N, C-alpha and C. Protein backbone atom coordinates (compact mmCIF):
# COMPACT_ATOMS: atom_id res chain seq x y z
N UNK A 1 27.97 -23.71 -5.08
CA UNK A 1 26.54 -23.83 -4.89
C UNK A 1 26.20 -23.77 -3.40
N UNK A 2 26.98 -24.45 -2.58
CA UNK A 2 26.75 -24.46 -1.14
C UNK A 2 26.90 -23.06 -0.58
N UNK A 3 27.87 -22.30 -1.07
CA UNK A 3 28.08 -20.94 -0.56
C UNK A 3 26.90 -20.03 -0.91
N UNK A 4 26.28 -20.23 -2.06
CA UNK A 4 25.11 -19.44 -2.45
C UNK A 4 23.95 -19.76 -1.51
N UNK A 5 23.74 -21.03 -1.22
CA UNK A 5 22.67 -21.44 -0.31
C UNK A 5 22.92 -20.87 1.09
N UNK A 6 24.16 -20.94 1.55
CA UNK A 6 24.50 -20.38 2.87
C UNK A 6 24.28 -18.87 2.90
N UNK A 7 24.68 -18.21 1.83
CA UNK A 7 24.50 -16.76 1.75
C UNK A 7 23.01 -16.40 1.76
N UNK A 8 22.21 -17.10 0.97
CA UNK A 8 20.76 -16.85 0.94
C UNK A 8 20.13 -17.15 2.30
N UNK A 9 20.59 -18.19 2.94
CA UNK A 9 20.10 -18.54 4.28
C UNK A 9 20.45 -17.42 5.26
N UNK A 10 21.66 -16.90 5.16
CA UNK A 10 22.09 -15.79 6.01
C UNK A 10 21.20 -14.57 5.78
N UNK A 11 20.95 -14.23 4.52
CA UNK A 11 20.09 -13.08 4.20
C UNK A 11 18.67 -13.27 4.73
N UNK A 12 18.14 -14.46 4.58
CA UNK A 12 16.79 -14.75 5.06
C UNK A 12 16.73 -14.65 6.58
N UNK A 13 17.74 -15.15 7.26
CA UNK A 13 17.79 -15.05 8.72
C UNK A 13 17.84 -13.59 9.16
N UNK A 14 18.67 -12.78 8.50
CA UNK A 14 18.75 -11.35 8.81
C UNK A 14 17.41 -10.66 8.55
N UNK A 15 16.78 -11.00 7.43
CA UNK A 15 15.49 -10.42 7.08
C UNK A 15 14.45 -10.76 8.15
N UNK A 16 14.40 -12.01 8.57
CA UNK A 16 13.43 -12.43 9.60
C UNK A 16 13.67 -11.72 10.92
N UNK A 17 14.92 -11.54 11.31
CA UNK A 17 15.24 -10.83 12.55
C UNK A 17 14.80 -9.37 12.46
N UNK A 18 15.07 -8.76 11.32
CA UNK A 18 14.68 -7.36 11.14
C UNK A 18 13.17 -7.19 11.15
N UNK A 19 12.46 -8.08 10.47
CA UNK A 19 11.00 -7.94 10.43
C UNK A 19 10.37 -8.20 11.79
N UNK A 20 10.96 -9.10 12.57
CA UNK A 20 10.46 -9.30 13.94
C UNK A 20 10.71 -8.07 14.79
N UNK A 21 11.93 -7.54 14.69
CA UNK A 21 12.31 -6.39 15.49
C UNK A 21 11.54 -5.14 15.09
N UNK A 22 11.32 -4.97 13.81
CA UNK A 22 10.66 -3.76 13.29
C UNK A 22 9.33 -4.09 12.64
N UNK A 23 8.60 -5.04 13.22
CA UNK A 23 7.34 -5.52 12.63
C UNK A 23 6.36 -4.38 12.38
N UNK A 24 6.18 -3.52 13.36
CA UNK A 24 5.23 -2.42 13.22
C UNK A 24 5.64 -1.49 12.07
N UNK A 25 6.91 -1.14 12.01
CA UNK A 25 7.38 -0.24 10.95
C UNK A 25 7.26 -0.90 9.58
N UNK A 26 7.60 -2.18 9.50
CA UNK A 26 7.48 -2.90 8.23
C UNK A 26 6.02 -2.97 7.80
N UNK A 27 5.14 -3.32 8.73
CA UNK A 27 3.71 -3.37 8.41
C UNK A 27 3.20 -1.99 8.00
N UNK A 28 3.69 -0.95 8.69
CA UNK A 28 3.25 0.40 8.35
C UNK A 28 3.70 0.77 6.94
N UNK A 29 4.92 0.40 6.59
CA UNK A 29 5.40 0.70 5.24
C UNK A 29 4.58 -0.03 4.18
N UNK A 30 4.20 -1.26 4.47
CA UNK A 30 3.37 -2.01 3.53
C UNK A 30 1.99 -1.37 3.40
N UNK A 31 1.37 -1.08 4.54
CA UNK A 31 0.06 -0.41 4.52
C UNK A 31 0.20 0.98 3.88
N UNK A 32 1.29 1.67 4.22
CA UNK A 32 1.54 2.98 3.62
C UNK A 32 1.66 2.91 2.10
N UNK A 33 2.31 1.85 1.62
CA UNK A 33 2.44 1.67 0.17
C UNK A 33 1.06 1.46 -0.46
N UNK A 34 0.24 0.61 0.18
CA UNK A 34 -1.11 0.40 -0.35
C UNK A 34 -1.95 1.66 -0.26
N UNK A 35 -1.81 2.41 0.83
CA UNK A 35 -2.54 3.66 0.98
C UNK A 35 -2.11 4.65 -0.09
N UNK A 36 -0.82 4.68 -0.38
CA UNK A 36 -0.31 5.55 -1.44
C UNK A 36 -0.90 5.16 -2.79
N UNK A 37 -0.97 3.87 -3.04
CA UNK A 37 -1.58 3.39 -4.30
C UNK A 37 -3.04 3.81 -4.36
N UNK A 38 -3.77 3.64 -3.25
CA UNK A 38 -5.17 4.05 -3.20
C UNK A 38 -5.28 5.55 -3.44
N UNK A 39 -4.41 6.33 -2.80
CA UNK A 39 -4.44 7.78 -2.95
C UNK A 39 -4.15 8.21 -4.38
N UNK A 40 -3.10 7.66 -4.96
CA UNK A 40 -2.73 8.05 -6.33
C UNK A 40 -3.76 7.58 -7.34
N UNK A 41 -4.24 6.36 -7.17
CA UNK A 41 -5.26 5.84 -8.08
C UNK A 41 -6.52 6.70 -8.02
N UNK A 42 -7.01 6.96 -6.80
CA UNK A 42 -8.23 7.76 -6.67
C UNK A 42 -7.99 9.19 -7.16
N UNK A 43 -6.80 9.73 -6.92
CA UNK A 43 -6.47 11.07 -7.43
C UNK A 43 -6.61 11.10 -8.95
N UNK A 44 -6.06 10.10 -9.61
CA UNK A 44 -6.12 10.06 -11.07
C UNK A 44 -7.54 9.85 -11.58
N UNK A 45 -8.34 9.08 -10.85
CA UNK A 45 -9.74 8.92 -11.24
C UNK A 45 -10.46 10.27 -11.12
N UNK A 46 -10.28 10.95 -9.99
CA UNK A 46 -10.91 12.26 -9.82
C UNK A 46 -10.35 13.26 -10.83
N UNK A 47 -9.07 13.17 -11.12
CA UNK A 47 -8.44 14.11 -12.07
C UNK A 47 -8.99 13.92 -13.48
N UNK A 48 -9.43 12.71 -13.79
CA UNK A 48 -10.04 12.45 -15.09
C UNK A 48 -11.32 13.27 -15.26
N UNK A 49 -12.05 13.48 -14.15
CA UNK A 49 -13.33 14.19 -14.20
C UNK A 49 -13.23 15.67 -13.83
N UNK A 50 -12.24 16.03 -13.05
CA UNK A 50 -12.12 17.39 -12.54
C UNK A 50 -10.79 18.00 -12.94
N UNK A 51 -10.76 19.30 -13.13
CA UNK A 51 -9.53 19.99 -13.54
C UNK A 51 -8.69 20.47 -12.36
N UNK A 52 -9.31 20.75 -11.24
CA UNK A 52 -8.63 21.36 -10.11
C UNK A 52 -7.87 20.31 -9.29
N UNK A 53 -6.54 20.41 -9.28
CA UNK A 53 -5.73 19.42 -8.57
C UNK A 53 -5.91 19.48 -7.06
N UNK A 54 -6.27 20.63 -6.52
CA UNK A 54 -6.46 20.74 -5.07
C UNK A 54 -7.73 19.98 -4.65
N UNK A 55 -8.80 20.13 -5.42
CA UNK A 55 -10.03 19.38 -5.13
C UNK A 55 -9.77 17.89 -5.29
N UNK A 56 -9.05 17.51 -6.31
CA UNK A 56 -8.72 16.09 -6.52
C UNK A 56 -7.87 15.55 -5.37
N UNK A 57 -6.95 16.36 -4.87
CA UNK A 57 -6.13 15.96 -3.74
C UNK A 57 -6.99 15.74 -2.50
N UNK A 58 -7.92 16.65 -2.26
CA UNK A 58 -8.80 16.52 -1.09
C UNK A 58 -9.69 15.29 -1.20
N UNK A 59 -10.25 15.03 -2.37
CA UNK A 59 -11.12 13.86 -2.54
C UNK A 59 -10.33 12.56 -2.42
N UNK A 60 -9.14 12.53 -3.00
CA UNK A 60 -8.33 11.31 -2.89
C UNK A 60 -7.89 11.10 -1.44
N UNK A 61 -7.71 12.19 -0.72
CA UNK A 61 -7.37 12.11 0.70
C UNK A 61 -8.48 11.40 1.48
N UNK A 62 -9.72 11.74 1.22
CA UNK A 62 -10.85 11.12 1.92
C UNK A 62 -10.84 9.61 1.71
N UNK A 63 -10.69 9.20 0.47
CA UNK A 63 -10.66 7.77 0.14
C UNK A 63 -9.49 7.09 0.85
N UNK A 64 -8.32 7.71 0.78
CA UNK A 64 -7.12 7.13 1.38
C UNK A 64 -7.22 7.06 2.91
N UNK A 65 -7.82 8.06 3.54
CA UNK A 65 -7.95 8.06 5.00
C UNK A 65 -8.86 6.93 5.47
N UNK A 66 -9.95 6.71 4.78
CA UNK A 66 -10.85 5.62 5.15
C UNK A 66 -10.12 4.27 5.04
N UNK A 67 -9.41 4.08 3.96
CA UNK A 67 -8.64 2.85 3.79
C UNK A 67 -7.56 2.74 4.86
N UNK A 68 -6.82 3.83 5.08
CA UNK A 68 -5.69 3.82 6.01
C UNK A 68 -6.13 3.53 7.44
N UNK A 69 -7.25 4.10 7.86
CA UNK A 69 -7.69 3.87 9.24
C UNK A 69 -7.95 2.38 9.48
N UNK A 70 -8.71 1.79 8.59
CA UNK A 70 -9.04 0.37 8.74
C UNK A 70 -7.78 -0.48 8.71
N UNK A 71 -6.90 -0.23 7.75
CA UNK A 71 -5.68 -1.03 7.61
C UNK A 71 -4.72 -0.82 8.78
N UNK A 72 -4.54 0.42 9.21
CA UNK A 72 -3.63 0.69 10.33
C UNK A 72 -4.16 0.11 11.63
N UNK A 73 -5.43 0.25 11.87
CA UNK A 73 -6.04 -0.28 13.08
C UNK A 73 -5.86 -1.80 13.14
N UNK A 74 -6.08 -2.43 12.01
CA UNK A 74 -6.11 -3.89 11.97
C UNK A 74 -4.74 -4.55 11.77
N UNK A 75 -3.92 -4.00 10.88
CA UNK A 75 -2.71 -4.71 10.47
C UNK A 75 -1.39 -4.09 10.96
N UNK A 76 -1.44 -2.86 11.47
CA UNK A 76 -0.20 -2.23 11.91
C UNK A 76 -0.14 -2.12 13.42
N UNK A 77 -1.13 -1.43 13.98
CA UNK A 77 -1.11 -1.15 15.42
C UNK A 77 -1.95 -2.13 16.23
N UNK A 78 -2.69 -3.00 15.55
CA UNK A 78 -3.51 -4.04 16.18
C UNK A 78 -4.32 -3.46 17.35
N UNK A 79 -4.99 -2.38 17.07
CA UNK A 79 -5.73 -1.66 18.11
C UNK A 79 -6.92 -2.48 18.60
N UNK A 80 -7.07 -2.52 19.90
CA UNK A 80 -8.21 -3.18 20.55
C UNK A 80 -9.10 -2.16 21.25
N UNK A 81 -8.78 -0.88 21.06
CA UNK A 81 -9.54 0.19 21.71
C UNK A 81 -11.01 0.09 21.30
N UNK A 82 -11.87 0.03 22.28
CA UNK A 82 -13.31 -0.08 22.03
C UNK A 82 -13.93 1.27 21.68
N UNK A 83 -13.19 2.33 21.94
CA UNK A 83 -13.69 3.67 21.63
C UNK A 83 -13.32 4.02 20.19
N UNK A 84 -13.92 3.29 19.26
CA UNK A 84 -13.57 3.41 17.85
C UNK A 84 -13.85 4.82 17.33
N UNK A 85 -14.96 5.41 17.74
CA UNK A 85 -15.29 6.75 17.26
C UNK A 85 -14.24 7.77 17.71
N UNK A 86 -13.80 7.66 18.95
CA UNK A 86 -12.75 8.56 19.46
C UNK A 86 -11.45 8.33 18.71
N UNK A 87 -11.09 7.08 18.55
CA UNK A 87 -9.86 6.74 17.84
C UNK A 87 -9.91 7.22 16.39
N UNK A 88 -11.06 6.99 15.74
CA UNK A 88 -11.22 7.43 14.35
C UNK A 88 -11.14 8.95 14.26
N UNK A 89 -11.76 9.64 15.21
CA UNK A 89 -11.71 11.11 15.23
C UNK A 89 -10.28 11.61 15.36
N UNK A 90 -9.51 11.00 16.25
CA UNK A 90 -8.10 11.37 16.41
C UNK A 90 -7.32 11.08 15.12
N UNK A 91 -7.63 9.96 14.50
CA UNK A 91 -6.97 9.59 13.26
C UNK A 91 -7.27 10.62 12.17
N UNK A 92 -8.54 10.99 12.05
CA UNK A 92 -8.95 11.96 11.03
C UNK A 92 -8.30 13.32 11.31
N UNK A 93 -8.28 13.73 12.58
CA UNK A 93 -7.65 15.01 12.92
C UNK A 93 -6.18 15.00 12.52
N UNK A 94 -5.47 13.93 12.84
CA UNK A 94 -4.05 13.83 12.47
C UNK A 94 -3.90 13.86 10.96
N UNK A 95 -4.80 13.21 10.27
CA UNK A 95 -4.72 13.18 8.80
C UNK A 95 -5.11 14.54 8.19
N UNK A 96 -5.95 15.29 8.88
CA UNK A 96 -6.25 16.64 8.40
C UNK A 96 -4.99 17.50 8.45
N UNK A 97 -4.23 17.34 9.52
CA UNK A 97 -2.95 18.07 9.61
C UNK A 97 -2.03 17.69 8.46
N UNK A 98 -1.96 16.40 8.16
CA UNK A 98 -1.08 15.99 7.06
C UNK A 98 -1.67 16.39 5.70
N UNK A 99 -3.00 16.46 5.60
CA UNK A 99 -3.63 16.95 4.36
C UNK A 99 -3.24 18.40 4.10
N UNK A 100 -3.28 19.21 5.15
CA UNK A 100 -2.89 20.61 4.99
C UNK A 100 -1.44 20.71 4.53
N UNK A 101 -0.60 19.87 5.10
CA UNK A 101 0.80 19.84 4.66
C UNK A 101 0.89 19.39 3.20
N UNK A 102 0.10 18.38 2.85
CA UNK A 102 0.11 17.86 1.48
C UNK A 102 -0.32 18.92 0.48
N UNK A 103 -1.40 19.62 0.80
CA UNK A 103 -1.89 20.66 -0.11
C UNK A 103 -0.86 21.78 -0.23
N UNK A 104 -0.26 22.17 0.88
CA UNK A 104 0.74 23.24 0.85
C UNK A 104 1.93 22.85 -0.02
N UNK A 105 2.42 21.62 0.17
CA UNK A 105 3.57 21.18 -0.62
C UNK A 105 3.19 21.02 -2.09
N UNK A 106 1.99 20.49 -2.36
CA UNK A 106 1.51 20.39 -3.75
C UNK A 106 1.46 21.77 -4.39
N UNK A 107 0.95 22.75 -3.67
CA UNK A 107 0.84 24.11 -4.18
C UNK A 107 2.23 24.67 -4.52
N UNK A 108 3.17 24.46 -3.63
CA UNK A 108 4.54 24.94 -3.86
C UNK A 108 5.16 24.26 -5.08
N UNK A 109 5.03 22.93 -5.13
CA UNK A 109 5.64 22.19 -6.23
C UNK A 109 5.00 22.51 -7.58
N UNK A 110 3.66 22.61 -7.60
CA UNK A 110 2.96 22.82 -8.87
C UNK A 110 3.01 24.28 -9.30
N UNK A 111 2.61 25.19 -8.40
CA UNK A 111 2.45 26.59 -8.80
C UNK A 111 3.74 27.41 -8.76
N UNK A 112 4.67 27.05 -7.89
CA UNK A 112 5.91 27.83 -7.82
C UNK A 112 7.07 27.17 -8.54
N UNK A 113 7.16 25.86 -8.43
CA UNK A 113 8.28 25.16 -9.05
C UNK A 113 7.93 24.55 -10.41
N UNK A 114 6.65 24.68 -10.80
CA UNK A 114 6.17 24.21 -12.10
C UNK A 114 6.44 22.73 -12.36
N UNK A 115 6.31 21.92 -11.31
CA UNK A 115 6.43 20.47 -11.46
C UNK A 115 5.03 19.94 -11.74
N UNK A 116 4.90 19.03 -12.67
CA UNK A 116 3.59 18.47 -13.03
C UNK A 116 2.88 17.94 -11.79
N UNK A 117 1.57 18.13 -11.75
CA UNK A 117 0.80 17.77 -10.55
C UNK A 117 0.89 16.28 -10.22
N UNK A 118 0.92 15.42 -11.21
CA UNK A 118 0.99 13.98 -10.94
C UNK A 118 2.37 13.59 -10.40
N UNK A 119 3.39 14.22 -10.88
CA UNK A 119 4.74 13.99 -10.36
C UNK A 119 4.84 14.53 -8.93
N UNK A 120 4.29 15.71 -8.72
CA UNK A 120 4.28 16.32 -7.39
C UNK A 120 3.54 15.43 -6.39
N UNK A 121 2.42 14.88 -6.82
CA UNK A 121 1.63 14.00 -5.96
C UNK A 121 2.47 12.81 -5.51
N UNK A 122 3.23 12.25 -6.40
CA UNK A 122 4.09 11.11 -6.06
C UNK A 122 5.19 11.52 -5.06
N UNK A 123 5.82 12.65 -5.30
CA UNK A 123 6.86 13.15 -4.39
C UNK A 123 6.30 13.39 -2.99
N UNK A 124 5.15 14.02 -2.94
CA UNK A 124 4.53 14.40 -1.67
C UNK A 124 4.17 13.17 -0.85
N UNK A 125 3.83 12.07 -1.50
CA UNK A 125 3.41 10.87 -0.77
C UNK A 125 4.49 10.35 0.17
N UNK A 126 5.74 10.47 -0.21
CA UNK A 126 6.83 10.01 0.66
C UNK A 126 6.87 10.82 1.96
N UNK A 127 6.69 12.11 1.85
CA UNK A 127 6.67 12.98 3.02
C UNK A 127 5.48 12.65 3.91
N UNK A 128 4.33 12.45 3.30
CA UNK A 128 3.09 12.21 4.03
C UNK A 128 3.12 10.87 4.76
N UNK A 129 3.69 9.85 4.16
CA UNK A 129 3.77 8.54 4.82
C UNK A 129 4.55 8.66 6.14
N UNK A 130 5.67 9.36 6.11
CA UNK A 130 6.47 9.53 7.32
C UNK A 130 5.71 10.35 8.37
N UNK A 131 5.13 11.44 7.94
CA UNK A 131 4.37 12.30 8.85
C UNK A 131 3.19 11.55 9.48
N UNK A 132 2.50 10.77 8.68
CA UNK A 132 1.35 10.02 9.19
C UNK A 132 1.76 8.93 10.19
N UNK A 133 2.91 8.30 9.97
CA UNK A 133 3.38 7.30 10.93
C UNK A 133 3.64 7.96 12.28
N UNK A 134 4.31 9.09 12.25
CA UNK A 134 4.61 9.80 13.50
C UNK A 134 3.32 10.17 14.23
N UNK A 135 2.37 10.73 13.50
CA UNK A 135 1.08 11.11 14.12
C UNK A 135 0.35 9.88 14.66
N UNK A 136 0.30 8.82 13.88
CA UNK A 136 -0.42 7.61 14.31
C UNK A 136 0.22 6.99 15.55
N UNK A 137 1.52 6.88 15.54
CA UNK A 137 2.25 6.25 16.64
C UNK A 137 2.14 7.06 17.93
N UNK A 138 2.28 8.38 17.83
CA UNK A 138 2.32 9.21 19.02
C UNK A 138 0.95 9.65 19.54
N UNK A 139 -0.03 9.82 18.63
CA UNK A 139 -1.28 10.45 19.05
C UNK A 139 -2.53 9.61 18.86
N UNK A 140 -2.52 8.64 17.99
CA UNK A 140 -3.76 7.90 17.70
C UNK A 140 -3.75 6.50 18.29
N UNK A 141 -2.83 5.67 17.86
CA UNK A 141 -2.82 4.27 18.28
C UNK A 141 -1.86 4.03 19.43
N UNK A 142 -1.87 4.94 20.37
CA UNK A 142 -1.02 4.80 21.55
C UNK A 142 -1.63 3.76 22.46
N UNK A 143 -0.83 3.19 23.32
CA UNK A 143 -1.34 2.20 24.27
C UNK A 143 -2.38 2.86 25.16
N UNK A 144 -3.52 2.19 25.32
CA UNK A 144 -4.56 2.77 26.17
C UNK A 144 -4.87 1.83 27.34
N UNK A 145 -5.51 2.39 28.33
CA UNK A 145 -5.84 1.61 29.53
C UNK A 145 -7.11 0.80 29.34
N UNK A 146 -7.90 1.15 28.32
CA UNK A 146 -9.18 0.46 28.17
C UNK A 146 -9.09 -0.73 27.28
């Protein structure tokens, strides 16, 4: 029993060290998971009403970007930049780039590889989360002088 407690204590200590060291990445993964849920949920809502998966992808993207900007600004990068409109514009531009990638990969998976659109949407989300982190870290929520 003592060895189990010691082992669990060891694991918890390692987990705490990792989360402190990689706090931003861990927070981003959590926010990314919620953003993915928002994206997939909204995609399915739009898909219920519309037949075109590309239009549904674009509409779910809008919903997910609005959620992601607020969550990333507040809980991941802790941005204090007062130029919110500039920051939001950069965020949207970066997300437009990832949207184009998302649509392209969706098109390839659905129309060329004949993978169901809902399965393709799930696969694509993993790629997009990584791409969006890189864009956000390097181009949007960078350290500013203001």
